[in-house]
Amino acid sequence: MFATFCRVVKSGCLNFYRNKWLSSAAIGTISLAVFVMACLLYLNVIVESIVSNLEEKIDISVYFNLDTPEEQILKVKASLSKLKEVKYIEYISAKDALERFKKRHKDQPVIMEALEATLENGNPLPPTLNIKANLASQYENIADFLNKPEYKKFIDKVNYKENKTVINRLTSVTKTVRKTGVIISLILALIAVLVTFNTIRLTIYSWRDEINIMKLVGATNWFIRGPFLVEGTIYGIISGVLTTLLFYPILLLVSPKISGFLPDIDLLYFYQVNFLSILFFQMIIGIGLGAISSFIAIRRYLKR
């Protein structure tokens, strides 16, 4: 079996070497498909980063009644902390809220004068809990939790309804972008398989007589198919490596410009940190396209 395997691999390598022009065309086709799919990967990184930044800016605030004891607020906070949807909770006392308000509006004398007049009757700012969820879609569950009777009597307002439209839009955009990326990837993969299939079929067509002879002398289908699968695998490996290396100068040029608009995104750093994973991912795509195309293309001759 090992000797047979070695002969199959050797035959596949010889096929690749003897058909240089067709091999180059197949590599170019697969490389283009892998390149576009890799672009979708980097686009997904950008989108996920933008979505994460937007999610970080969204939260819901729970405003308590002015006479609510601090111990009760801390109990509510402790209960919320146990929810799996909750990522982070910040407690802002009435005193801290007043200090923040003064700091935010220190350059607005009209507002400061109105505040000083209001403070004569006591601090008007309520104690607050600012809550961040792990996902934008989880804020509704948190808001429902706060509507329980044991908490509602202490709570003056939860601003979930004000943020609901933004949260729902963000969730919808995120789902749409992810679904669109998957659909585009599948379409590109199908196109790549069809184009690669036709390219590889030309190679197999030139070997049709040899295939018929091998069948006549009793060679199994897998023995005949093996060299072409090896050849398709070589196409994929070379395409994956070439595409991965090609992205370095592209990202070296493009990444600083993207970081200028979106400071939290560094595609070159992402490429460097995940180089082996990206290389493996692109080689797997290339090998899959090459091997699948070869497998489909040769079936026609094995059925005769």
C-alpha atoms as a PDB file:
ATOM      1  CA  MET A   1       0.000   0.000   0.000  1.00  0.00           C
ATOM      2  CA  PHE A   2       2.835   2.368   0.816  1.00  0.00           C
ATOM      3  CA  ALA A   3       4.521   1.631  -2.525  1.00  0.00           C
ATOM      4  CA  THR A   4       1.227   2.252  -4.335  1.00  0.00           C
ATOM      5  CA  PHE A   5       0.760   5.509  -2.462  1.00  0.00           C
ATOM      6  CA  CYS A   6       4.263   6.633  -3.417  1.00  0.00           C
ATOM      7  CA  ARG A   7       3.614   5.803  -7.090  1.00  0.00           C
ATOM      8  CA  VAL A   8       0.370   7.789  -7.024  1.00  0.00           C
ATOM      9  CA  VAL A   9       2.098  10.818  -5.469  1.00  0.00           C
ATOM     10  CA  LYS A  10       4.987  10.601  -7.927  1.00  0.00           C
ATOM     11  CA  SER A  11       2.608  10.337 -10.872  1.00  0.00           C
ATOM     12  CA  GLY A  12       0.655  13.380  -9.625  1.00  0.00           C
ATOM     13  CA  CYS A  13       3.849  15.431  -9.321  1.00  0.00           C
ATOM     14  CA  LEU A  14       4.913  14.423 -12.842  1.00  0.00           C
ATOM     15  CA  ASN A  15       1.502  15.409 -14.210  1.00  0.00           C
ATOM     16  CA  PHE A  16       1.863  18.800 -12.543  1.00  0.00           C
ATOM     17  CA  TYR A  17       5.345  19.315 -13.985  1.00  0.00           C
ATOM     18  CA  ARG A  18       4.549  18.136 -17.523  1.00  0.00           C
ATOM     19  CA  ASN A  19       1.488  20.393 -17.924  1.00  0.00           C
ATOM     20  CA  LYS A  20       3.134  23.669 -16.901  1.00  0.00           C
ATOM     21  CA  TRP A  21       0.752  26.000 -18.709  1.00  0.00           C
ATOM     22  CA  LEU A  22      -2.414  24.281 -17.553  1.00  0.00           C
ATOM     23  CA  SER A  23      -0.983  24.012 -14.054  1.00  0.00           C
ATOM     24  CA  SER A  24      -0.220  27.746 -14.054  1.00  0.00           C
ATOM     25  CA  ALA A  25      -3.769  28.523 -15.217  1.00  0.00           C
ATOM     26  CA  ALA A  26      -5.275  26.327 -12.483  1.00  0.00           C
ATOM     27  CA  ILE A  27      -3.040  27.901  -9.823  1.00  0.00           C
ATOM     28  CA  GLY A  28      -3.991  31.379 -11.015  1.00  0.00           C
ATOM     29  CA  THR A  29      -7.701  30.538 -10.912  1.00  0.00           C
ATOM     30  CA  ILE A  30      -7.550  29.010  -7.436  1.00  0.00           C
ATOM     31  CA  SER A  31      -5.319  31.829  -6.178  1.00  0.00           C
ATOM     32  CA  LEU A  32      -7.880  34.398  -7.317  1.00  0.00           C
ATOM     33  CA  ALA A  33     -10.669  32.548  -5.507  1.00  0.00           C
ATOM     34  CA  VAL A  34      -8.588  32.200  -2.339  1.00  0.00           C
ATOM     35  CA  PHE A  35      -7.603  35.875  -2.559  1.00  0.00           C
ATOM     36  CA  VAL A  36     -11.224  37.026  -2.715  1.00  0.00           C
ATOM     37  CA  MET A  37     -12.191  34.758   0.189  1.00  0.00           C
ATOM     38  CA  ALA A  38      -9.260  36.084   2.202  1.00  0.00           C
ATOM     39  CA  CYS A  39     -10.470  39.628   1.451  1.00  0.00           C
ATOM     40  CA  LEU A  40     -13.805  38.611   2.930  1.00  0.00           C
ATOM     41  CA  LEU A  41     -11.953  37.389   6.015  1.00  0.00           C
ATOM     42  CA  TYR A  42     -10.250  40.759   6.517  1.00  0.00           C
ATOM     43  CA  LEU A  43     -13.499  42.566   5.772  1.00  0.00           C
ATOM     44  CA  ASN A  44     -15.129  40.455   8.471  1.00  0.00           C
ATOM     45  CA  VAL A  45     -12.368  41.482  10.902  1.00  0.00           C
ATOM     46  CA  ILE A  46     -13.101  45.149  10.144  1.00  0.00           C
ATOM     47  CA  VAL A  47     -16.859  44.679  10.503  1.00  0.00           C
ATOM     48  CA  GLU A  48     -16.525  42.742  13.765  1.00  0.00           C
ATOM     49  CA  SER A  49     -14.259  45.450  15.158  1.00  0.00           C
ATOM     50  CA  ILE A  50     -16.710  48.198  14.181  1.00  0.00           C
ATOM     51  CA  VAL A  51     -19.618  46.253  15.661  1.00  0.00           C
ATOM     52  CA  SER A  52     -17.675  45.635  18.885  1.00  0.00           C
ATOM     53  CA  ASN A  53     -16.894  49.353  19.190  1.00  0.00           C
ATOM     54  CA  LEU A  54     -20.549  50.226  18.658  1.00  0.00           C
ATOM     55  CA  GLU A  55     -21.610  47.642  21.222  1.00  0.00           C
ATOM     56  CA  GLU A  56     -19.153  49.129  23.702  1.00  0.00           C
ATOM     57  CA  LYS A  57     -20.843  52.511  23.330  1.00  0.00           C
ATOM     58  CA  ILE A  58     -24.311  51.083  23.948  1.00  0.00           C
ATOM     59  CA  ASP A  59     -25.562  50.383  27.437  1.00  0.00           C
ATOM     60  CA  ILE A  60     -28.700  50.753  29.493  1.00  0.00           C
ATOM     61  CA  SER A  61     -28.996  52.873  32.606  1.00  0.00           C
ATOM     62  CA  VAL A  62     -31.171  52.110  35.619  1.00  0.00           C
ATOM     63  CA  TYR A  63     -32.267  55.233  37.516  1.00  0.00           C
ATOM     64  CA  PHE A  64     -33.396  54.612  41.093  1.00  0.00           C
ATOM     65  CA  ASN A  65     -35.758  56.656  43.200  1.00  0.00           C
ATOM     66  CA  LEU A  66     -33.983  59.364  45.196  1.00  0.00           C
ATOM     67  CA  ASP A  67     -34.955  57.775  48.516  1.00  0.00           C
ATOM     68  CA  THR A  68     -33.710  54.277  47.616  1.00  0.00           C
ATOM     69  CA  PRO A  69     -31.170  53.021  50.219  1.00  0.00           C
ATOM     70  CA  GLU A  70     -27.718  52.280  48.851  1.00  0.00           C
ATOM     71  CA  GLU A  71     -27.855  48.755  50.298  1.00  0.00           C
ATOM     72  CA  GLN A  72     -30.895  48.014  48.153  1.00  0.00           C
ATOM     73  CA  ILE A  73     -29.164  49.317  45.014  1.00  0.00           C
ATOM     74  CA  LEU A  74     -26.150  47.118  45.735  1.00  0.00           C
ATOM     75  CA  LYS A  75     -28.472  44.114  46.143  1.00  0.00           C
ATOM     76  CA  VAL A  76     -29.939  44.811  42.702  1.00  0.00           C
ATOM     77  CA  LYS A  77     -26.429  45.126  41.320  1.00  0.00           C
ATOM     78  CA  ALA A  78     -25.444  41.787  42.871  1.00  0.00           C
ATOM     79  CA  SER A  79     -28.500  40.098  41.358  1.00  0.00           C
ATOM     80  CA  LEU A  80     -27.720  41.544  37.927  1.00  0.00           C
ATOM     81  CA  SER A  81     -24.107  40.394  38.158  1.00  0.00           C
ATOM     82  CA  LYS A  82     -25.309  36.789  38.278  1.00  0.00           C
ATOM     83  CA  LEU A  83     -26.958  37.064  34.867  1.00  0.00           C
ATOM     84  CA  LYS A  84     -24.918  35.472  32.061  1.00  0.00           C
ATOM     85  CA  GLU A  85     -25.990  38.291  29.722  1.00  0.00           C
ATOM     86  CA  VAL A  86     -24.313  40.963  31.860  1.00  0.00           C
ATOM     87  CA  LYS A  87     -20.728  41.861  30.996  1.00  0.00           C
ATOM     88  CA  TYR A  88     -20.133  44.824  33.295  1.00  0.00           C
ATOM     89  CA  ILE A  89     -22.053  46.965  35.810  1.00  0.00           C
ATOM     90  CA  GLU A  90     -21.046  50.388  37.086  1.00  0.00           C
ATOM     91  CA  TYR A  91     -22.694  51.894  40.157  1.00  0.00           C
ATOM     92  CA  ILE A  92     -22.872  55.687  40.198  1.00  0.00           C
ATOM     93  CA  SER A  93     -24.079  57.173  43.461  1.00  0.00           C
ATOM     94  CA  ALA A  94     -26.074  60.429  43.552  1.00  0.00           C
ATOM     95  CA  LYS A  95     -22.949  62.246  44.769  1.00  0.00           C
ATOM     96  CA  ASP A  96     -20.798  60.819  41.964  1.00  0.00           C
ATOM     97  CA  ALA A  97     -23.488  61.647  39.407  1.00  0.00           C
ATOM     98  CA  LEU A  98     -23.480  65.266  40.600  1.00  0.00           C
ATOM     99  CA  GLU A  99     -19.681  65.496  40.356  1.00  0.00           C
ATOM    100  CA  ARG A 100     -19.717  64.064  36.835  1.00  0.00           C
ATOM    101  CA  PHE A 101     -22.459  66.465  35.789  1.00  0.00           C
ATOM    102  CA  LYS A 102     -20.481  69.436  37.094  1.00  0.00           C
ATOM    103  CA  LYS A 103     -17.324  68.276  35.327  1.00  0.00           C
ATOM    104  CA  ARG A 104     -19.156  67.721  32.038  1.00  0.00           C
ATOM    105  CA  HIS A 105     -20.828  71.144  32.054  1.00  0.00           C
ATOM    106  CA  LYS A 106     -18.171  73.228  33.786  1.00  0.00           C
ATOM    107  CA  ASP A 107     -17.760  75.446  30.694  1.00  0.00           C
ATOM    108  CA  GLN A 108     -21.503  76.140  30.417  1.00  0.00           C
ATOM    109  CA  PRO A 109     -22.333  78.886  32.951  1.00  0.00           C
ATOM    110  CA  VAL A 110     -26.090  78.897  32.272  1.00  0.00           C
ATOM    111  CA  ILE A 111     -26.399  75.216  33.117  1.00  0.00           C
ATOM    112  CA  MET A 112     -24.175  75.587  36.181  1.00  0.00           C
ATOM    113  CA  GLU A 113     -26.291  78.492  37.497  1.00  0.00           C
ATOM    114  CA  ALA A 114     -29.465  76.450  37.025  1.00  0.00           C
ATOM    115  CA  LEU A 115     -27.837  73.545  38.855  1.00  0.00           C
ATOM    116  CA  GLU A 116     -26.824  75.729  41.809  1.00  0.00           C
ATOM    117  CA  ALA A 117     -30.392  76.973  42.084  1.00  0.00           C
ATOM    118  CA  THR A 118     -31.708  73.421  41.988  1.00  0.00           C
ATOM    119  CA  LEU A 119     -29.248  72.206  44.634  1.00  0.00           C
ATOM    120  CA  GLU A 120     -30.909  74.439  47.213  1.00  0.00           C
ATOM    121  CA  ASN A 121     -33.655  71.796  47.416  1.00  0.00           C
ATOM    122  CA  GLY A 122     -31.163  68.880  47.423  1.00  0.00           C
ATOM    123  CA  ASN A 123     -29.350  66.801  44.859  1.00  0.00           C
ATOM    124  CA  PRO A 124     -31.763  66.149  41.958  1.00  0.00           C
ATOM    125  CA  LEU A 125     -29.596  63.459  40.312  1.00  0.00           C
ATOM    126  CA  PRO A 126     -30.591  59.870  41.170  1.00  0.00           C
ATOM    127  CA  PRO A 127     -28.228  56.953  41.871  1.00  0.00           C
ATOM    128  CA  THR A 128     -27.690  54.918  38.721  1.00  0.00           C
ATOM    129  CA  LEU A 129     -26.514  51.547  37.459  1.00  0.00           C
ATOM    130  CA  ASN A 130     -24.924  51.496  33.984  1.00  0.00           C
ATOM    131  CA  ILE A 131     -25.116  48.017  32.484  1.00  0.00           C
ATOM    132  CA  LYS A 132     -23.240  46.573  29.517  1.00  0.00           C
ATOM    133  CA  ALA A 133     -24.303  43.263  27.981  1.00  0.00           C
ATOM    134  CA  ASN A 134     -22.109  40.735  26.194  1.00  0.00           C
ATOM    135  CA  LEU A 135     -24.225  41.092  23.046  1.00  0.00           C
ATOM    136  CA  ALA A 136     -26.545  43.852  21.865  1.00  0.00           C
ATOM    137  CA  SER A 137     -29.400  41.356  21.546  1.00  0.00           C
ATOM    138  CA  GLN A 138     -29.246  40.582  25.292  1.00  0.00           C
ATOM    139  CA  TYR A 139     -30.359  43.978  26.589  1.00  0.00           C
ATOM    140  CA  GLU A 140     -34.022  43.037  26.284  1.00  0.00           C
ATOM    141  CA  ASN A 141     -33.549  40.102  28.694  1.00  0.00           C
ATOM    142  CA  ILE A 142     -31.835  42.419  31.190  1.00  0.00           C
ATOM    143  CA  ALA A 143     -34.651  44.964  30.904  1.00  0.00           C
ATOM    144  CA  ASP A 144     -37.227  42.213  31.493  1.00  0.00           C
ATOM    145  CA  PHE A 145     -35.314  41.097  34.587  1.00  0.00           C
ATOM    146  CA  LEU A 146     -35.499  44.632  36.008  1.00  0.00           C
ATOM    147  CA  ASN A 147     -39.283  44.699  35.514  1.00  0.00           C
ATOM    148  CA  LYS A 148     -39.764  42.178  38.315  1.00  0.00           C
ATOM    149  CA  PRO A 149     -42.020  43.540  41.126  1.00  0.00           C
ATOM    150  CA  GLU A 150     -39.273  43.252  43.790  1.00  0.00           C
ATOM    151  CA  TYR A 151     -37.035  45.616  41.796  1.00  0.00           C
ATOM    152  CA  LYS A 152     -39.563  47.798  40.028  1.00  0.00           C
ATOM    153  CA  LYS A 153     -40.708  49.546  43.199  1.00  0.00           C
ATOM    154  CA  PHE A 154     -37.188  50.964  43.710  1.00  0.00           C
ATOM    155  CA  ILE A 155     -36.575  51.878  40.062  1.00  0.00           C
ATOM    156  CA  ASP A 156     -37.684  55.194  38.638  1.00  0.00           C
ATOM    157  CA  LYS A 157     -36.697  54.507  35.015  1.00  0.00           C
ATOM    158  CA  VAL A 158     -34.810  52.104  32.734  1.00  0.00           C
ATOM    159  CA  ASN A 159     -33.742  53.764  29.470  1.00  0.00           C
ATOM    160  CA  TYR A 160     -33.885  50.559  27.425  1.00  0.00           C
ATOM    161  CA  LYS A 161     -36.807  51.813  25.322  1.00  0.00           C
ATOM    162  CA  GLU A 162     -34.823  54.902  24.274  1.00  0.00           C
ATOM    163  CA  ASN A 163     -31.918  52.709  23.115  1.00  0.00           C
ATOM    164  CA  LYS A 164     -34.046  49.860  21.768  1.00  0.00           C
ATOM    165  CA  THR A 165     -34.167  51.141  18.184  1.00  0.00           C
ATOM    166  CA  VAL A 166     -30.374  51.578  18.012  1.00  0.00           C
ATOM    167  CA  ILE A 167     -29.780  48.183  19.635  1.00  0.00           C
ATOM    168  CA  ASN A 168     -32.175  46.394  17.276  1.00  0.00           C
ATOM    169  CA  ARG A 169     -30.649  48.087  14.232  1.00  0.00           C
ATOM    170  CA  LEU A 170     -27.160  47.119  15.344  1.00  0.00           C
ATOM    171  CA  THR A 171     -28.233  43.512  15.870  1.00  0.00           C
ATOM    172  CA  SER A 172     -29.935  43.446  12.460  1.00  0.00           C
ATOM    173  CA  VAL A 173     -26.909  44.944  10.674  1.00  0.00           C
ATOM    174  CA  THR A 174     -24.569  42.453  12.352  1.00  0.00           C
ATOM    175  CA  LYS A 175     -26.687  39.454  11.321  1.00  0.00           C
ATOM    176  CA  THR A 176     -27.109  40.773   7.776  1.00  0.00           C
ATOM    177  CA  VAL A 177     -23.379  41.376   7.307  1.00  0.00           C
ATOM    178  CA  ARG A 178     -22.491  37.916   8.599  1.00  0.00           C
ATOM    179  CA  LYS A 179     -25.112  36.168   6.448  1.00  0.00           C
ATOM    180  CA  THR A 180     -24.074  38.166   3.384  1.00  0.00           C
ATOM    181  CA  GLY A 181     -20.441  37.210   3.939  1.00  0.00           C
ATOM    182  CA  VAL A 182     -21.337  33.509   4.115  1.00  0.00           C
ATOM    183  CA  ILE A 183     -23.508  33.686   0.981  1.00  0.00           C
ATOM    184  CA  ILE A 184     -20.839  35.562  -1.005  1.00  0.00           C
ATOM    185  CA  SER A 185     -18.198  33.057   0.120  1.00  0.00           C
ATOM    186  CA  LEU A 186     -20.342  30.122  -1.021  1.00  0.00           C
ATOM    187  CA  ILE A 187     -21.044  31.749  -4.398  1.00  0.00           C
ATOM    188  CA  LEU A 188     -17.351  32.481  -4.939  1.00  0.00           C
ATOM    189  CA  ALA A 189     -16.450  28.935  -3.920  1.00  0.00           C
ATOM    190  CA  LEU A 190     -18.948  27.542  -6.445  1.00  0.00           C
ATOM    191  CA  ILE A 191     -17.610  29.782  -9.226  1.00  0.00           C
ATOM    192  CA  ALA A 192     -14.038  28.816  -8.337  1.00  0.00           C
ATOM    193  CA  VAL A 193     -14.906  25.116  -8.407  1.00  0.00           C
ATOM    194  CA  LEU A 194     -16.556  25.452 -11.823  1.00  0.00           C
ATOM    195  CA  VAL A 195     -13.703  27.453 -13.355  1.00  0.00           C
ATOM    196  CA  THR A 196     -11.049  25.238 -11.791  1.00  0.00           C
ATOM    197  CA  PHE A 197     -13.025  22.186 -12.855  1.00  0.00           C
ATOM    198  CA  ASN A 198     -12.933  23.260 -16.496  1.00  0.00           C
ATOM    199  CA  THR A 199      -9.210  24.039 -16.291  1.00  0.00           C
ATOM    200  CA  ILE A 200      -8.383  20.686 -14.724  1.00  0.00           C
ATOM    201  CA  ARG A 201     -10.709  18.879 -17.124  1.00  0.00           C
ATOM    202  CA  LEU A 202      -8.466  20.040 -19.987  1.00  0.00           C
ATOM    203  CA  THR A 203      -5.540  18.386 -18.237  1.00  0.00           C
ATOM    204  CA  ILE A 204      -7.457  15.163 -17.677  1.00  0.00           C
ATOM    205  CA  TYR A 205      -8.718  15.214 -21.283  1.00  0.00           C
ATOM    206  CA  SER A 206      -5.133  15.044 -22.521  1.00  0.00           C
ATOM    207  CA  TRP A 207      -4.704  11.896 -20.404  1.00  0.00           C
ATOM    208  CA  ARG A 208      -7.898  10.178 -21.559  1.00  0.00           C
ATOM    209  CA  ASP A 209      -6.082   7.479 -23.545  1.00  0.00           C
ATOM    210  CA  GLU A 210      -3.791   6.637 -20.633  1.00  0.00           C
ATOM    211  CA  ILE A 211      -6.822   6.445 -18.326  1.00  0.00           C
ATOM    212  CA  ASN A 212      -8.556   3.985 -20.678  1.00  0.00           C
ATOM    213  CA  ILE A 213      -5.409   1.853 -20.873  1.00  0.00           C
ATOM    214  CA  MET A 214      -5.105   1.808 -17.074  1.00  0.00           C
ATOM    215  CA  LYS A 215      -8.729   0.668 -16.812  1.00  0.00           C
ATOM    216  CA  LEU A 216      -8.130  -2.101 -19.370  1.00  0.00           C
ATOM    217  CA  VAL A 217      -5.177  -3.496 -17.395  1.00  0.00           C
ATOM    218  CA  GLY A 218      -7.263  -3.590 -14.222  1.00  0.00           C
ATOM    219  CA  ALA A 219      -6.290  -0.418 -12.326  1.00  0.00           C
ATOM    220  CA  THR A 220      -8.803   0.556  -9.652  1.00  0.00           C
ATOM    221  CA  ASN A 221     -10.708   3.829  -9.850  1.00  0.00           C
ATOM    222  CA  TRP A 222      -8.849   5.202  -6.847  1.00  0.00           C
ATOM    223  CA  PHE A 223      -5.479   4.335  -8.359  1.00  0.00           C
ATOM    224  CA  ILE A 224      -6.456   6.242 -11.519  1.00  0.00           C
ATOM    225  CA  ARG A 225      -8.021   9.106  -9.585  1.00  0.00           C
ATOM    226  CA  GLY A 226      -5.136   9.430  -7.097  1.00  0.00           C
ATOM    227  CA  PRO A 227      -2.570  11.307  -9.280  1.00  0.00           C
ATOM    228  CA  PHE A 228      -5.163  13.886 -10.285  1.00  0.00           C
ATOM    229  CA  LEU A 229      -6.158  14.438  -6.667  1.00  0.00           C
ATOM    230  CA  VAL A 230      -2.472  14.885  -5.813  1.00  0.00           C
ATOM    231  CA  GLU A 231      -2.158  17.350  -8.681  1.00  0.00           C
ATOM    232  CA  GLY A 232      -5.195  19.296  -7.459  1.00  0.00           C
ATOM    233  CA  THR A 233      -3.749  19.295  -3.935  1.00  0.00           C
ATOM    234  CA  ILE A 234      -0.476  20.758  -5.238  1.00  0.00           C
ATOM    235  CA  TYR A 235      -2.465  23.498  -6.986  1.00  0.00           C
ATOM    236  CA  GLY A 236      -4.154  24.292  -3.689  1.00  0.00           C
ATOM    237  CA  ILE A 237      -0.980  24.333  -1.596  1.00  0.00           C
ATOM    238  CA  ILE A 238       0.852  26.650  -3.983  1.00  0.00           C
ATOM    239  CA  SER A 239      -2.208  28.916  -4.332  1.00  0.00           C
ATOM    240  CA  GLY A 240      -2.610  29.164  -0.548  1.00  0.00           C
ATOM    241  CA  VAL A 241       1.057  29.998   0.036  1.00  0.00           C
ATOM    242  CA  LEU A 242       1.204  32.539  -2.823  1.00  0.00           C
ATOM    243  CA  THR A 243      -1.976  34.301  -1.684  1.00  0.00           C
ATOM    244  CA  THR A 244      -0.822  34.476   1.933  1.00  0.00           C
ATOM    245  CA  LEU A 245       2.534  35.984   0.949  1.00  0.00           C
ATOM    246  CA  LEU A 246       0.860  38.372  -1.487  1.00  0.00           C
ATOM    247  CA  PHE A 247      -1.219  39.865   1.313  1.00  0.00           C
ATOM    248  CA  TYR A 248       1.811  41.108   3.263  1.00  0.00           C
ATOM    249  CA  PRO A 249       2.790  43.975   0.906  1.00  0.00           C
ATOM    250  CA  ILE A 250      -0.901  44.768   0.339  1.00  0.00           C
ATOM    251  CA  LEU A 251      -1.601  45.076   4.076  1.00  0.00           C
ATOM    252  CA  LEU A 252       1.673  46.948   4.585  1.00  0.00           C
ATOM    253  CA  LEU A 253       0.285  49.601   2.257  1.00  0.00           C
ATOM    254  CA  VAL A 254      -3.414  49.505   3.178  1.00  0.00           C
ATOM    255  CA  SER A 255      -3.381  48.899   6.951  1.00  0.00           C
ATOM    256  CA  PRO A 256      -2.043  52.363   8.010  1.00  0.00           C
ATOM    257  CA  LYS A 257      -4.729  54.069   5.909  1.00  0.00           C
ATOM    258  CA  ILE A 258      -7.496  51.976   7.492  1.00  0.00           C
ATOM    259  CA  SER A 259      -6.052  52.648  10.963  1.00  0.00           C
ATOM    260  CA  GLY A 260      -6.211  56.375  10.179  1.00  0.00           C
ATOM    261  CA  PHE A 261     -10.008  56.126   9.885  1.00  0.00           C
ATOM    262  CA  LEU A 262     -10.523  53.305  12.389  1.00  0.00           C
ATOM    263  CA  PRO A 263      -7.793  53.533  15.076  1.00  0.00           C
ATOM    264  CA  ASP A 264      -8.810  50.288  16.781  1.00  0.00           C
ATOM    265  CA  ILE A 265      -8.208  48.214  13.643  1.00  0.00           C
ATOM    266  CA  ASP A 266      -4.713  47.063  12.645  1.00  0.00           C
ATOM    267  CA  LEU A 267      -4.960  44.481   9.870  1.00  0.00           C
ATOM    268  CA  LEU A 268      -1.181  44.145   9.530  1.00  0.00           C
ATOM    269  CA  TYR A 269      -0.890  43.255  13.218  1.00  0.00           C
ATOM    270  CA  PHE A 270      -3.768  40.773  12.815  1.00  0.00           C
ATOM    271  CA  TYR A 271      -1.959  39.231   9.826  1.00  0.00           C
ATOM    272  CA  GLN A 272       1.349  38.939  11.699  1.00  0.00           C
ATOM    273  CA  VAL A 273      -0.161  37.482  14.879  1.00  0.00           C
ATOM    274  CA  ASN A 274      -2.353  34.991  12.995  1.00  0.00           C
ATOM    275  CA  PHE A 275       0.029  34.270  10.105  1.00  0.00           C
ATOM    276  CA  LEU A 276       0.104  30.479  10.576  1.00  0.00           C
ATOM    277  CA  SER A 277      -3.664  30.274  11.052  1.00  0.00           C
ATOM    278  CA  ILE A 278      -4.262  32.396   7.944  1.00  0.00           C
ATOM    279  CA  LEU A 279      -1.786  30.316   5.935  1.00  0.00           C
ATOM    280  CA  PHE A 280      -3.488  27.096   7.073  1.00  0.00           C
ATOM    281  CA  PHE A 281      -6.948  28.522   6.335  1.00  0.00           C
ATOM    282  CA  GLN A 282      -6.001  29.620   2.813  1.00  0.00           C
ATOM    283  CA  MET A 283      -4.172  26.373   2.045  1.00  0.00           C
ATOM    284  CA  ILE A 284      -7.202  24.363   3.156  1.00  0.00           C
ATOM    285  CA  ILE A 285      -9.439  26.439   0.857  1.00  0.00           C
ATOM    286  CA  GLY A 286      -6.984  26.013  -2.033  1.00  0.00           C
ATOM    287  CA  ILE A 287      -6.551  22.279  -1.464  1.00  0.00           C
ATOM    288  CA  GLY A 288     -10.315  21.858  -1.186  1.00  0.00           C
ATOM    289  CA  LEU A 289     -10.934  23.696  -4.463  1.00  0.00           C
ATOM    290  CA  GLY A 290      -8.185  21.833  -6.312  1.00  0.00           C
ATOM    291  CA  ALA A 291      -8.989  18.367  -4.991  1.00  0.00           C
ATOM    292  CA  ILE A 292     -12.770  18.704  -5.356  1.00  0.00           C
ATOM    293  CA  SER A 293     -12.427  20.002  -8.920  1.00  0.00           C
ATOM    294  CA  SER A 294     -10.117  17.108  -9.837  1.00  0.00           C
ATOM    295  CA  PHE A 295     -12.435  14.586  -8.190  1.00  0.00           C
ATOM    296  CA  ILE A 296     -15.445  15.852 -10.150  1.00  0.00           C
ATOM    297  CA  ALA A 297     -13.599  16.232 -13.460  1.00  0.00           C
ATOM    298  CA  ILE A 298     -12.295  12.650 -13.604  1.00  0.00           C
ATOM    299  CA  ARG A 299     -15.594  10.953 -12.717  1.00  0.00           C
ATOM    300  CA  ARG A 300     -16.701  11.229 -16.340  1.00  0.00           C
ATOM    301  CA  TYR A 301     -13.836   9.055 -17.563  1.00  0.00           C
ATOM    302  CA  LEU A 302     -14.151   6.490 -14.783  1.00  0.00           C
ATOM    303  CA  LYS A 303     -17.786   5.748 -15.641  1.00  0.00           C
ATOM    304  CA  ARG A 304     -16.967   4.549 -19.149  1.00  0.00           C
END
